C-alpha atoms as a PDB file:
ATOM      1  CA  UNK A   1      23.371 -53.739  49.920  1.00  0.00           C
ATOM      2  CA  UNK A   2      23.021 -50.467  48.925  1.00  0.00           C
ATOM      3  CA  UNK A   3      26.220 -49.719  46.884  1.00  0.00           C
ATOM      4  CA  UNK A   4      25.813 -46.058  48.129  1.00  0.00           C
ATOM      5  CA  UNK A   5      26.678 -47.224  51.887  1.00  0.00           C
ATOM      6  CA  UNK A   6      30.195 -48.352  50.607  1.00  0.00           C
ATOM      7  CA  UNK A   7      31.095 -44.850  50.368  1.00  0.00           C
ATOM      8  CA  UNK A   8      31.464 -44.376  53.837  1.00  0.00           C
ATOM      9  CA  UNK A   9      34.020 -47.424  53.850  1.00  0.00           C
ATOM     10  CA  UNK A  10      36.022 -44.947  51.835  1.00  0.00           C
ATOM     11  CA  UNK A  11      36.051 -42.323  54.819  1.00  0.00           C
ATOM     12  CA  UNK A  12      37.596 -45.027  57.005  1.00  0.00           C
ATOM     13  CA  UNK A  13      40.480 -46.239  54.276  1.00  0.00           C
ATOM     14  CA  UNK A  14      41.216 -42.258  53.732  1.00  0.00           C
ATOM     15  CA  UNK A  15      41.176 -41.650  57.840  1.00  0.00           C
ATOM     16  CA  UNK A  16      43.144 -44.793  58.397  1.00  0.00           C
ATOM     17  CA  UNK A  17      45.806 -44.440  55.533  1.00  0.00           C
ATOM     18  CA  UNK A  18      46.838 -40.934  57.522  1.00  0.00           C
ATOM     19  CA  UNK A  19      47.001 -42.657  60.777  1.00  0.00           C
ATOM     20  CA  UNK A  20      49.341 -45.212  59.411  1.00  0.00           C
ATOM     21  CA  UNK A  21      51.936 -43.033  57.675  1.00  0.00           C
ATOM     22  CA  UNK A  22      51.437 -41.066  61.687  1.00  0.00           C
ATOM     23  CA  UNK A  23      52.456 -44.752  63.122  1.00  0.00           C
ATOM     24  CA  UNK A  24      55.432 -44.714  61.312  1.00  0.00           C
ATOM     25  CA  UNK A  25      56.443 -41.184  61.992  1.00  0.00           C
ATOM     26  CA  UNK A  26      56.865 -41.999  65.914  1.00  0.00           C
ATOM     27  CA  UNK A  27      53.567 -41.598  67.118  1.00  0.00           C
ATOM     28  CA  UNK A  28      51.740 -38.491  68.420  1.00  0.00           C
ATOM     29  CA  UNK A  29      53.689 -36.853  71.351  1.00  0.00           C
ATOM     30  CA  UNK A  30      54.741 -40.653  73.052  1.00  0.00           C
ATOM     31  CA  UNK A  31      53.967 -40.823  76.576  1.00  0.00           C
ATOM     32  CA  UNK A  32      56.235 -42.355  79.451  1.00  0.00           C
ATOM     33  CA  UNK A  33      54.902 -45.772  78.259  1.00  0.00           C
ATOM     34  CA  UNK A  34      57.042 -45.516  75.593  1.00  0.00           C
ATOM     35  CA  UNK A  35      60.042 -45.381  77.907  1.00  0.00           C
ATOM     36  CA  UNK A  36      61.889 -48.064  79.342  1.00  0.00           C
ATOM     37  CA  UNK A  37      65.063 -46.532  80.868  1.00  0.00           C
ATOM     38  CA  UNK A  38      64.893 -46.176  84.720  1.00  0.00           C
ATOM     39  CA  UNK A  39      61.032 -48.428  84.435  1.00  0.00           C
ATOM     40  CA  UNK A  40      59.709 -44.848  83.538  1.00  0.00           C
ATOM     41  CA  UNK A  41      56.603 -46.575  81.941  1.00  0.00           C
ATOM     42  CA  UNK A  42      55.675 -48.071  85.535  1.00  0.00           C
ATOM     43  CA  UNK A  43      54.620 -44.672  86.674  1.00  0.00           C
ATOM     44  CA  UNK A  44      52.819 -44.073  83.466  1.00  0.00           C
ATOM     45  CA  UNK A  45      48.965 -42.160  83.789  1.00  0.00           C
ATOM     46  CA  UNK A  46      46.633 -42.596  80.644  1.00  0.00           C
ATOM     47  CA  UNK A  47      46.170 -39.498  78.866  1.00  0.00           C
ATOM     48  CA  UNK A  48      44.812 -38.193  75.728  1.00  0.00           C
ATOM     49  CA  UNK A  49      47.830 -38.895  73.738  1.00  0.00           C
ATOM     50  CA  UNK A  50      47.688 -42.623  74.369  1.00  0.00           C
ATOM     51  CA  UNK A  51      43.960 -43.197  73.483  1.00  0.00           C
ATOM     52  CA  UNK A  52      45.407 -41.129  69.957  1.00  0.00           C
ATOM     53  CA  UNK A  53      48.323 -43.480  69.776  1.00  0.00           C
ATOM     54  CA  UNK A  54      46.787 -47.058  70.868  1.00  0.00           C
ATOM     55  CA  UNK A  55      42.961 -46.696  70.078  1.00  0.00           C
ATOM     56  CA  UNK A  56      42.834 -44.477  66.861  1.00  0.00           C
ATOM     57  CA  UNK A  57      46.206 -44.763  64.944  1.00  0.00           C
ATOM     58  CA  UNK A  58      46.764 -48.388  66.087  1.00  0.00           C
ATOM     59  CA  UNK A  59      43.299 -49.327  64.977  1.00  0.00           C
ATOM     60  CA  UNK A  60      44.419 -48.530  61.028  1.00  0.00           C
ATOM     61  CA  UNK A  61      46.015 -51.867  60.447  1.00  0.00           C
ATOM     62  CA  UNK A  62      43.238 -54.198  62.108  1.00  0.00           C
ATOM     63  CA  UNK A  63      40.301 -52.113  59.996  1.00  0.00           C
ATOM     64  CA  UNK A  64      42.588 -52.120  56.205  1.00  0.00           C
ATOM     65  CA  UNK A  65      42.305 -55.901  57.255  1.00  0.00           C
ATOM     66  CA  UNK A  66      38.601 -55.753  58.146  1.00  0.00           C
ATOM     67  CA  UNK A  67      37.714 -53.691  55.118  1.00  0.00           C
ATOM     68  CA  UNK A  68      39.395 -56.102  52.844  1.00  0.00           C
ATOM     69  CA  UNK A  69      37.645 -59.091  55.078  1.00  0.00           C
ATOM     70  CA  UNK A  70      34.026 -57.755  54.452  1.00  0.00           C
ATOM     71  CA  UNK A  71      34.363 -57.000  50.589  1.00  0.00           C
ATOM     72  CA  UNK A  72      36.421 -60.004  49.733  1.00  0.00           C
ATOM     73  CA  UNK A  73      33.233 -61.924  51.717  1.00  0.00           C
ATOM     74  CA  UNK A  74      30.685 -60.339  49.922  1.00  0.00           C
ATOM     75  CA  UNK A  75      31.666 -61.647  46.600  1.00  0.00           C
ATOM     76  CA  UNK A  76      32.650 -65.245  47.034  1.00  0.00           C
ATOM     77  CA  UNK A  77      35.140 -66.228  44.342  1.00  0.00           C
ATOM     78  CA  UNK A  78      36.288 -70.000  43.417  1.00  0.00           C
ATOM     79  CA  UNK A  79      39.743 -71.740  43.991  1.00  0.00           C
ATOM     80  CA  UNK A  80      41.009 -70.280  40.850  1.00  0.00           C
ATOM     81  CA  UNK A  81      39.755 -66.226  41.709  1.00  0.00           C
ATOM     82  CA  UNK A  82      41.322 -67.138  45.140  1.00  0.00           C
ATOM     83  CA  UNK A  83      44.522 -68.385  43.731  1.00  0.00           C
ATOM     84  CA  UNK A  84      44.910 -65.105  41.567  1.00  0.00           C
ATOM     85  CA  UNK A  85      43.904 -62.685  44.719  1.00  0.00           C
ATOM     86  CA  UNK A  86      46.564 -64.683  46.977  1.00  0.00           C
ATOM     87  CA  UNK A  87      49.306 -64.375  43.818  1.00  0.00           C
ATOM     88  CA  UNK A  88      48.853 -60.803  43.879  1.00  0.00           C
ATOM     89  CA  UNK A  89      49.189 -59.925  47.189  1.00  0.00           C
ATOM     90  CA  UNK A  90      51.779 -62.264  47.625  1.00  0.00           C
ATOM     91  CA  UNK A  91      53.529 -60.666  44.878  1.00  0.00           C
ATOM     92  CA  UNK A  92      53.159 -57.224  46.650  1.00  0.00           C
ATOM     93  CA  UNK A  93      54.648 -58.182  49.720  1.00  0.00           C
ATOM     94  CA  UNK A  94      57.513 -59.956  47.664  1.00  0.00           C
ATOM     95  CA  UNK A  95      58.148 -57.085  45.564  1.00  0.00           C
ATOM     96  CA  UNK A  96      57.906 -54.105  48.108  1.00  0.00           C
ATOM     97  CA  UNK A  97      59.735 -55.947  51.049  1.00  0.00           C
ATOM     98  CA  UNK A  98      62.455 -56.737  48.820  1.00  0.00           C
ATOM     99  CA  UNK A  99      62.853 -53.362  47.209  1.00  0.00           C
ATOM    100  CA  UNK A 100      62.958 -51.698  51.094  1.00  0.00           C
ATOM    101  CA  UNK A 101      65.585 -53.826  52.018  1.00  0.00           C
ATOM    102  CA  UNK A 102      67.307 -53.291  48.776  1.00  0.00           C
ATOM    103  CA  UNK A 103      66.691 -49.319  49.206  1.00  0.00           C
ATOM    104  CA  UNK A 104      67.976 -48.827  52.902  1.00  0.00           C
ATOM    105  CA  UNK A 105      70.404 -51.866  53.042  1.00  0.00           C
ATOM    106  CA  UNK A 106      72.939 -51.343  50.359  1.00  0.00           C
ATOM    107  CA  UNK A 107      71.593 -53.451  47.545  1.00  0.00           C
ATOM    108  CA  UNK A 108      72.415 -57.478  48.090  1.00  0.00           C
ATOM    109  CA  UNK A 109      74.129 -56.445  51.286  1.00  0.00           C
ATOM    110  CA  UNK A 110      70.369 -56.875  52.728  1.00  0.00           C
ATOM    111  CA  UNK A 111      70.629 -60.667  52.238  1.00  0.00           C
ATOM    112  CA  UNK A 112      73.403 -60.827  54.882  1.00  0.00           C
ATOM    113  CA  UNK A 113      70.490 -59.323  57.172  1.00  0.00           C
ATOM    114  CA  UNK A 114      68.544 -62.632  57.390  1.00  0.00           C
ATOM    115  CA  UNK A 115      69.206 -64.241  61.001  1.00  0.00           C
ATOM    116  CA  UNK A 116      70.885 -67.149  62.013  1.00  0.00           C
ATOM    117  CA  UNK A 117      68.961 -67.994  65.087  1.00  0.00           C
ATOM    118  CA  UNK A 118      65.744 -70.235  64.158  1.00  0.00           C
ATOM    119  CA  UNK A 119      63.394 -67.796  66.081  1.00  0.00           C
ATOM    120  CA  UNK A 120      64.696 -64.915  64.437  1.00  0.00           C
ATOM    121  CA  UNK A 121      64.613 -66.116  61.198  1.00  0.00           C
ATOM    122  CA  UNK A 122      60.699 -66.555  61.868  1.00  0.00           C
ATOM    123  CA  UNK A 123      60.485 -63.056  62.985  1.00  0.00           C
ATOM    124  CA  UNK A 124      62.075 -62.359  60.144  1.00  0.00           C
ATOM    125  CA  UNK A 125      59.734 -64.279  57.659  1.00  0.00           C
ATOM    126  CA  UNK A 126      56.700 -63.040  59.400  1.00  0.00           C
ATOM    127  CA  UNK A 127      57.527 -59.402  59.234  1.00  0.00           C
ATOM    128  CA  UNK A 128      58.404 -59.461  55.552  1.00  0.00           C
ATOM    129  CA  UNK A 129      62.018 -58.579  56.700  1.00  0.00           C
ATOM    130  CA  UNK A 130      60.871 -56.584  59.334  1.00  0.00           C
ATOM    131  CA  UNK A 131      59.238 -53.897  57.080  1.00  0.00           C
ATOM    132  CA  UNK A 132      55.477 -52.864  56.827  1.00  0.00           C
ATOM    133  CA  UNK A 133      54.678 -55.048  54.462  1.00  0.00           C
ATOM    134  CA  UNK A 134      53.726 -57.691  57.027  1.00  0.00           C
ATOM    135  CA  UNK A 135      50.108 -56.483  56.320  1.00  0.00           C
ATOM    136  CA  UNK A 136      49.746 -59.045  52.893  1.00  0.00           C
ATOM    137  CA  UNK A 137      51.192 -61.856  54.699  1.00  0.00           C
ATOM    138  CA  UNK A 138      48.194 -61.292  57.500  1.00  0.00           C
ATOM    139  CA  UNK A 139      46.076 -60.521  54.595  1.00  0.00           C
ATOM    140  CA  UNK A 140      46.987 -63.713  52.869  1.00  0.00           C
ATOM    141  CA  UNK A 141      46.023 -65.901  55.733  1.00  0.00           C
ATOM    142  CA  UNK A 142      42.697 -63.988  56.776  1.00  0.00           C
ATOM    143  CA  UNK A 143      41.861 -63.861  52.915  1.00  0.00           C
ATOM    144  CA  UNK A 144      42.477 -68.104  52.759  1.00  0.00           C
ATOM    145  CA  UNK A 145      40.396 -68.698  56.198  1.00  0.00           C
ATOM    146  CA  UNK A 146      37.138 -66.197  54.903  1.00  0.00           C
ATOM    147  CA  UNK A 147      37.350 -68.507  51.520  1.00  0.00           C
ATOM    148  CA  UNK A 148      37.544 -71.662  53.476  1.00  0.00           C
ATOM    149  CA  UNK A 149      35.117 -70.647  56.019  1.00  0.00           C
ATOM    150  CA  UNK A 150      32.212 -69.449  53.748  1.00  0.00           C
ATOM    151  CA  UNK A 151      29.984 -72.161  54.102  1.00  0.00           C
ATOM    152  CA  UNK A 152      29.937 -72.565  57.722  1.00  0.00           C
ATOM    153  CA  UNK A 153      26.356 -71.048  59.305  1.00  0.00           C
ATOM    154  CA  UNK A 154      26.541 -67.671  60.809  1.00  0.00           C
ATOM    155  CA  UNK A 155      26.481 -69.249  64.255  1.00  0.00           C
ATOM    156  CA  UNK A 156      29.524 -71.044  64.201  1.00  0.00           C
ATOM    157  CA  UNK A 157      31.170 -67.811  62.343  1.00  0.00           C
ATOM    158  CA  UNK A 158      30.276 -65.620  65.234  1.00  0.00           C
ATOM    159  CA  UNK A 159      31.716 -68.387  67.632  1.00  0.00           C
ATOM    160  CA  UNK A 160      34.965 -68.641  65.889  1.00  0.00           C
ATOM    161  CA  UNK A 161      34.999 -64.937  65.734  1.00  0.00           C
ATOM    162  CA  UNK A 162      34.785 -64.757  70.025  1.00  0.00           C
ATOM    163  CA  UNK A 163      37.146 -67.936  70.365  1.00  0.00           C
ATOM    164  CA  UNK A 164      39.832 -66.388  68.101  1.00  0.00           C
ATOM    165  CA  UNK A 165      39.236 -63.245  69.942  1.00  0.00           C
ATOM    166  CA  UNK A 166      39.860 -65.073  73.156  1.00  0.00           C
ATOM    167  CA  UNK A 167      42.937 -66.403  71.423  1.00  0.00           C
ATOM    168  CA  UNK A 168      44.124 -62.898  70.765  1.00  0.00           C
ATOM    169  CA  UNK A 169      43.630 -61.894  74.403  1.00  0.00           C
ATOM    170  CA  UNK A 170      45.670 -64.763  75.926  1.00  0.00           C
ATOM    171  CA  UNK A 171      48.767 -64.208  73.431  1.00  0.00           C
ATOM    172  CA  UNK A 172      50.266 -61.219  75.765  1.00  0.00           C
ATOM    173  CA  UNK A 173      50.152 -63.331  79.029  1.00  0.00           C
ATOM    174  CA  UNK A 174      51.909 -66.739  77.003  1.00  0.00           C
ATOM    175  CA  UNK A 175      54.501 -64.259  75.984  1.00  0.00           C
ATOM    176  CA  UNK A 176      54.933 -62.712  79.603  1.00  0.00           C
ATOM    177  CA  UNK A 177      55.293 -66.251  80.562  1.00  0.00           C
ATOM    178  CA  UNK A 178      57.250 -67.699  78.065  1.00  0.00           C
ATOM    179  CA  UNK A 179      59.371 -65.007  76.659  1.00  0.00           C
ATOM    180  CA  UNK A 180      58.687 -66.479  72.964  1.00  0.00           C
ATOM    181  CA  UNK A 181      58.283 -63.013  71.364  1.00  0.00           C
ATOM    182  CA  UNK A 182      56.530 -64.655  68.303  1.00  0.00           C
ATOM    183  CA  UNK A 183      53.290 -64.494  70.482  1.00  0.00           C
ATOM    184  CA  UNK A 184      53.091 -60.920  71.195  1.00  0.00           C
ATOM    185  CA  UNK A 185      54.739 -59.988  67.592  1.00  0.00           C
ATOM    186  CA  UNK A 186      52.627 -57.215  65.914  1.00  0.00           C
ATOM    187  CA  UNK A 187      52.929 -59.254  62.608  1.00  0.00           C
ATOM    188  CA  UNK A 188      51.867 -62.489  64.210  1.00  0.00           C
ATOM    189  CA  UNK A 189      48.795 -63.410  61.966  1.00  0.00           C
ATOM    190  CA  UNK A 190      46.573 -64.732  64.801  1.00  0.00           C
ATOM    191  CA  UNK A 191      46.478 -61.059  66.137  1.00  0.00           C
ATOM    192  CA  UNK A 192      43.726 -60.194  62.857  1.00  0.00           C
ATOM    193  CA  UNK A 193      42.252 -63.725  62.524  1.00  0.00           C
ATOM    194  CA  UNK A 194      39.008 -62.910  64.284  1.00  0.00           C
ATOM    195  CA  UNK A 195      38.708 -60.158  61.454  1.00  0.00           C
ATOM    196  CA  UNK A 196      38.261 -62.741  59.110  1.00  0.00           C
ATOM    197  CA  UNK A 197      35.070 -64.360  60.778  1.00  0.00           C
ATOM    198  CA  UNK A 198      33.927 -60.761  61.467  1.00  0.00           C
ATOM    199  CA  UNK A 199      33.951 -59.749  57.926  1.00  0.00           C
ATOM    200  CA  UNK A 200      32.125 -63.357  56.994  1.00  0.00           C
ATOM    201  CA  UNK A 201      29.644 -62.578  59.990  1.00  0.00           C
ATOM    202  CA  UNK A 202      28.866 -58.489  58.719  1.00  0.00           C
ATOM    203  CA  UNK A 203      28.870 -59.326  55.147  1.00  0.00           C
ATOM    204  CA  UNK A 204      25.810 -61.532  55.773  1.00  0.00           C
ATOM    205  CA  UNK A 205      23.663 -58.805  57.049  1.00  0.00           C
ATOM    206  CA  UNK A 206      21.635 -56.606  54.856  1.00  0.00           C
ATOM    207  CA  UNK A 207      22.644 -54.176  57.679  1.00  0.00           C
ATOM    208  CA  UNK A 208      24.443 -54.415  60.612  1.00  0.00           C
ATOM    209  CA  UNK A 209      21.648 -53.472  63.504  1.00  0.00           C
ATOM    210  CA  UNK A 210      22.816 -50.954  66.127  1.00  0.00           C
ATOM    211  CA  UNK A 211      23.010 -53.246  69.160  1.00  0.00           C
ATOM    212  CA  UNK A 212      25.662 -55.289  67.614  1.00  0.00           C
ATOM    213  CA  UNK A 213      27.841 -51.868  66.989  1.00  0.00           C
ATOM    214  CA  UNK A 214      26.906 -51.067  70.727  1.00  0.00           C
ATOM    215  CA  UNK A 215      27.845 -54.360  72.142  1.00  0.00           C
ATOM    216  CA  UNK A 216      31.455 -54.393  70.249  1.00  0.00           C
ATOM    217  CA  UNK A 217      32.115 -50.681  71.140  1.00  0.00           C
ATOM    218  CA  UNK A 218      31.134 -51.890  74.910  1.00  0.00           C
ATOM    219  CA  UNK A 219      33.749 -54.835  74.789  1.00  0.00           C
ATOM    220  CA  UNK A 220      36.242 -52.731  73.046  1.00  0.00           C
ATOM    221  CA  UNK A 221      36.079 -49.974  76.044  1.00  0.00           C
ATOM    222  CA  UNK A 222      35.926 -52.998  78.633  1.00  0.00           C
ATOM    223  CA  UNK A 223      39.073 -54.954  77.209  1.00  0.00           C
ATOM    224  CA  UNK A 224      40.984 -51.692  77.006  1.00  0.00           C
ATOM    225  CA  UNK A 225      41.323 -51.980  80.824  1.00  0.00           C
ATOM    226  CA  UNK A 226      43.352 -55.155  79.971  1.00  0.00           C
ATOM    227  CA  UNK A 227      45.454 -52.896  78.459  1.00  0.00           C
ATOM    228  CA  UNK A 228      46.448 -50.911  81.097  1.00  0.00           C
ATOM    229  CA  UNK A 229      46.567 -53.337  83.896  1.00  0.00           C
ATOM    230  CA  UNK A 230      47.583 -57.354  83.203  1.00  0.00           C
ATOM    231  CA  UNK A 231      49.400 -56.511  79.901  1.00  0.00           C
ATOM    232  CA  UNK A 232      52.142 -53.403  80.672  1.00  0.00           C
ATOM    233  CA  UNK A 233      55.402 -55.165  81.127  1.00  0.00           C
ATOM    234  CA  UNK A 234      58.894 -54.730  80.049  1.00  0.00           C
ATOM    235  CA  UNK A 235      59.074 -57.829  77.937  1.00  0.00           C
ATOM    236  CA  UNK A 236      56.792 -55.941  75.197  1.00  0.00           C
ATOM    237  CA  UNK A 237      59.732 -53.993  74.596  1.00  0.00           C
ATOM    238  CA  UNK A 238      61.233 -56.506  72.867  1.00  0.00           C
ATOM    239  CA  UNK A 239      58.960 -56.461  69.933  1.00  0.00           C
ATOM    240  CA  UNK A 240      57.431 -53.190  70.379  1.00  0.00           C
ATOM    241  CA  UNK A 241      58.392 -49.160  71.313  1.00  0.00           C
ATOM    242  CA  UNK A 242      56.043 -49.389  74.228  1.00  0.00           C
ATOM    243  CA  UNK A 243      55.458 -51.507  77.210  1.00  0.00           C
ATOM    244  CA  UNK A 244      52.103 -52.923  75.718  1.00  0.00           C
ATOM    245  CA  UNK A 245      51.261 -55.493  72.874  1.00  0.00           C
ATOM    246  CA  UNK A 246      50.866 -53.568  69.631  1.00  0.00           C
ATOM    247  CA  UNK A 247      48.103 -55.723  68.082  1.00  0.00           C
ATOM    248  CA  UNK A 248      47.544 -58.408  70.567  1.00  0.00           C
ATOM    249  CA  UNK A 249      44.969 -56.821  72.238  1.00  0.00           C
ATOM    250  CA  UNK A 250      41.086 -57.626  71.994  1.00  0.00           C
ATOM    251  CA  UNK A 251      40.426 -54.368  72.502  1.00  0.00           C
ATOM    252  CA  UNK A 252      41.476 -53.337  68.959  1.00  0.00           C
ATOM    253  CA  UNK A 253      39.453 -56.382  67.529  1.00  0.00           C
ATOM    254  CA  UNK A 254      36.275 -55.198  69.129  1.00  0.00           C
ATOM    255  CA  UNK A 255      36.571 -51.542  68.126  1.00  0.00           C
ATOM    256  CA  UNK A 256      37.774 -52.396  64.594  1.00  0.00           C
ATOM    257  CA  UNK A 257      34.692 -54.411  64.072  1.00  0.00           C
ATOM    258  CA  UNK A 258      32.302 -51.190  65.887  1.00  0.00           C
ATOM    259  CA  UNK A 259      33.509 -48.866  63.442  1.00  0.00           C
ATOM    260  CA  UNK A 260      33.282 -51.031  60.576  1.00  0.00           C
ATOM    261  CA  UNK A 261      29.380 -50.949  61.547  1.00  0.00           C
ATOM    262  CA  UNK A 262      29.180 -47.693  61.972  1.00  0.00           C
ATOM    263  CA  UNK A 263      30.556 -47.035  58.390  1.00  0.00           C
ATOM    264  CA  UNK A 264      27.762 -49.745  57.150  1.00  0.00           C
ATOM    265  CA  UNK A 265      25.472 -48.005  58.778  1.00  0.00           C
ATOM    266  CA  UNK A 266      26.301 -44.185  57.821  1.00  0.00           C
ATOM    267  CA  UNK A 267      25.383 -42.978  54.143  1.00  0.00           C
ATOM    268  CA  UNK A 268      27.951 -40.725  54.054  1.00  0.00           C
ATOM    269  CA  UNK A 269      28.034 -38.189  50.715  1.00  0.00           C
ATOM    270  CA  UNK A 270      30.464 -38.550  48.287  1.00  0.00           C
ATOM    271  CA  UNK A 271      33.601 -36.147  48.622  1.00  0.00           C
ATOM    272  CA  UNK A 272      36.703 -36.131  45.667  1.00  0.00           C
ATOM    273  CA  UNK A 273      39.322 -35.491  48.389  1.00  0.00           C
ATOM    274  CA  UNK A 274      37.873 -38.318  50.263  1.00  0.00           C
ATOM    275  CA  UNK A 275      37.697 -40.306  47.272  1.00  0.00           C
ATOM    276  CA  UNK A 276      41.271 -39.824  46.084  1.00  0.00           C
ATOM    277  CA  UNK A 277      42.661 -40.654  49.717  1.00  0.00           C
ATOM    278  CA  UNK A 278      40.595 -44.038  49.104  1.00  0.00           C
ATOM    279  CA  UNK A 279      41.463 -44.532  45.751  1.00  0.00           C
ATOM    280  CA  UNK A 280      45.589 -44.387  46.797  1.00  0.00           C
ATOM    281  CA  UNK A 281      45.207 -45.935  50.436  1.00  0.00           C
ATOM    282  CA  UNK A 282      47.194 -48.812  49.270  1.00  0.00           C
ATOM    283  CA  UNK A 283      49.732 -47.112  47.384  1.00  0.00           C
ATOM    284  CA  UNK A 284      50.362 -44.524  50.391  1.00  0.00           C
ATOM    285  CA  UNK A 285      51.042 -47.941  52.494  1.00  0.00           C
ATOM    286  CA  UNK A 286      53.509 -49.257  49.904  1.00  0.00           C
ATOM    287  CA  UNK A 287      55.324 -45.992  49.146  1.00  0.00           C
ATOM    288  CA  UNK A 288      55.269 -44.455  52.506  1.00  0.00           C
ATOM    289  CA  UNK A 289      58.248 -46.037  54.004  1.00  0.00           C
ATOM    290  CA  UNK A 290      60.641 -44.657  51.570  1.00  0.00           C
ATOM    291  CA  UNK A 291      59.777 -41.375  52.671  1.00  0.00           C
ATOM    292  CA  UNK A 292      60.221 -41.732  56.296  1.00  0.00           C
ATOM    293  CA  UNK A 293      64.043 -40.283  56.401  1.00  0.00           C
ATOM    294  CA  UNK A 294      62.313 -37.111  54.736  1.00  0.00           C
ATOM    295  CA  UNK A 295      60.876 -36.667  58.694  1.00  0.00           C
ATOM    296  CA  UNK A 296      64.262 -36.202  60.189  1.00  0.00           C
ATOM    297  CA  UNK A 297      65.618 -34.196  57.847  1.00  0.00           C
ATOM    298  CA  UNK A 298      62.817 -31.698  58.428  1.00  0.00           C
ATOM    299  CA  UNK A 299      63.056 -31.664  61.848  1.00  0.00           C
ATOM    300  CA  UNK A 300      66.779 -30.803  61.747  1.00  0.00           C
ATOM    301  CA  UNK A 301      66.526 -28.478  59.238  1.00  0.00           C
ATOM    302  CA  UNK A 302      63.592 -26.488  59.972  1.00  0.00           C
ATOM    303  CA  UNK A 303      64.008 -26.885  63.836  1.00  0.00           C
ATOM    304  CA  UNK A 304      60.168 -28.151  64.512  1.00  0.00           C
ATOM    305  CA  UNK A 305      58.812 -28.698  67.559  1.00  0.00           C
ATOM    306  CA  UNK A 306      55.450 -28.927  69.107  1.00  0.00           C
ATOM    307  CA  UNK A 307      52.584 -30.053  66.602  1.00  0.00           C
ATOM    308  CA  UNK A 308      54.966 -28.561  63.595  1.00  0.00           C
ATOM    309  CA  UNK A 309      57.331 -30.990  64.445  1.00  0.00           C
ATOM    310  CA  UNK A 310      53.963 -33.968  63.666  1.00  0.00           C
ATOM    311  CA  UNK A 311      51.745 -31.789  61.099  1.00  0.00           C
ATOM    312  CA  UNK A 312      54.961 -30.918  58.694  1.00  0.00           C
ATOM    313  CA  UNK A 313      56.641 -34.348  58.150  1.00  0.00           C
ATOM    314  CA  UNK A 314      53.194 -35.825  57.978  1.00  0.00           C
ATOM    315  CA  UNK A 315      51.600 -33.902  55.199  1.00  0.00           C
ATOM    316  CA  UNK A 316      55.144 -33.980  53.289  1.00  0.00           C
ATOM    317  CA  UNK A 317      55.185 -37.919  53.579  1.00  0.00           C
ATOM    318  CA  UNK A 318      51.648 -38.058  52.639  1.00  0.00           C
ATOM    319  CA  UNK A 319      52.162 -35.428  50.138  1.00  0.00           C
ATOM    320  CA  UNK A 320      55.074 -37.474  48.412  1.00  0.00           C
ATOM    321  CA  UNK A 321      53.637 -40.483  48.670  1.00  0.00           C
ATOM    322  CA  UNK A 322      50.661 -39.434  46.684  1.00  0.00           C
ATOM    323  CA  UNK A 323      52.509 -37.911  44.204  1.00  0.00           C
ATOM    324  CA  UNK A 324      54.086 -41.619  43.640  1.00  0.00           C
ATOM    325  CA  UNK A 325      50.912 -42.859  43.528  1.00  0.00           C
ATOM    326  CA  UNK A 326      49.586 -41.387  40.686  1.00  0.00           C
ATOM    327  CA  UNK A 327      53.404 -41.670  38.881  1.00  0.00           C
ATOM    328  CA  UNK A 328      52.968 -45.605  39.465  1.00  0.00           C
ATOM    329  CA  UNK A 329      49.217 -45.660  39.029  1.00  0.00           C
ATOM    330  CA  UNK A 330      48.957 -49.016  37.375  1.00  0.00           C
ATOM    331  CA  UNK A 331      50.960 -51.009  39.197  1.00  0.00           C
ATOM    332  CA  UNK A 332      49.320 -49.941  42.513  1.00  0.00           C
ATOM    333  CA  UNK A 333      46.100 -50.117  41.786  1.00  0.00           C
ATOM    334  CA  UNK A 334      43.380 -50.843  44.718  1.00  0.00           C
ATOM    335  CA  UNK A 335      41.670 -53.453  43.564  1.00  0.00           C
ATOM    336  CA  UNK A 336      42.581 -55.982  47.003  1.00  0.00           C
ATOM    337  CA  UNK A 337      40.744 -53.422  49.158  1.00  0.00           C
ATOM    338  CA  UNK A 338      37.767 -52.541  47.173  1.00  0.00           C
END
């Protein structure tokens, strides 16, 4: 594959690193699907903000995992190399999740947050202590699956992609019927398992055909119907801020693969700003949670409303994250996602 084509992946990483921050700042003009009081979500009508929130911003984590899966699948490694990679990801998860707990919960008082209920303990561990760093645990599992599956035939790989995507589609229904919170949890590694096989499948193609991208895009649009019909349920408020599953949606799987195919088929020009943002995307992911409280201070002190309430905090949190990345550059190198 022409290395120049990978420049387009930097555009994905740059754009979706901003989306990650936007999600954790509270989404964009949240609609009534976010409101459980008086069952307001029942009268919800799909609007432009839902498209942005659920089909742009929510694509960030799946796209990052798929990018990492694809790049890892392109350069197979031995068991020693795999263990080194997994060890680095694990260290990142432990360091940042523990630092987050200490920073926000008065030092060692964070230890008291460990739940006593068995199900809540599993959720606590899967979410890396109720932090955004669950991403690293999911990445560990996806990376291990890729290594194990590398010798499978391409046909089997795409069959596994279809089967695991079907499982993702069933998870919200199982959650509705059983009440088991883990099933629809945003940090459930099963949500991202199809991306391991998609990464392998795409890595085996010299250039993904246009018909495959069109198929994935069409399937994404069709399965999005599920999101606004059978998936809407108040039970999802137990694990999300809205009456929908966050990542247990096949639509996100198909759309993220479609975007990856578009990127791989596009010869994007080098751009210094995009390169900078892509190079620091991992750092932004790790650092931005520490600056989220700035949003509330800005809104309160500057009396922000409307678009300014979104754009100004987003710009400030991103700027602080980039600054932190420059200062901590050696520790936050991005070899995991290159």
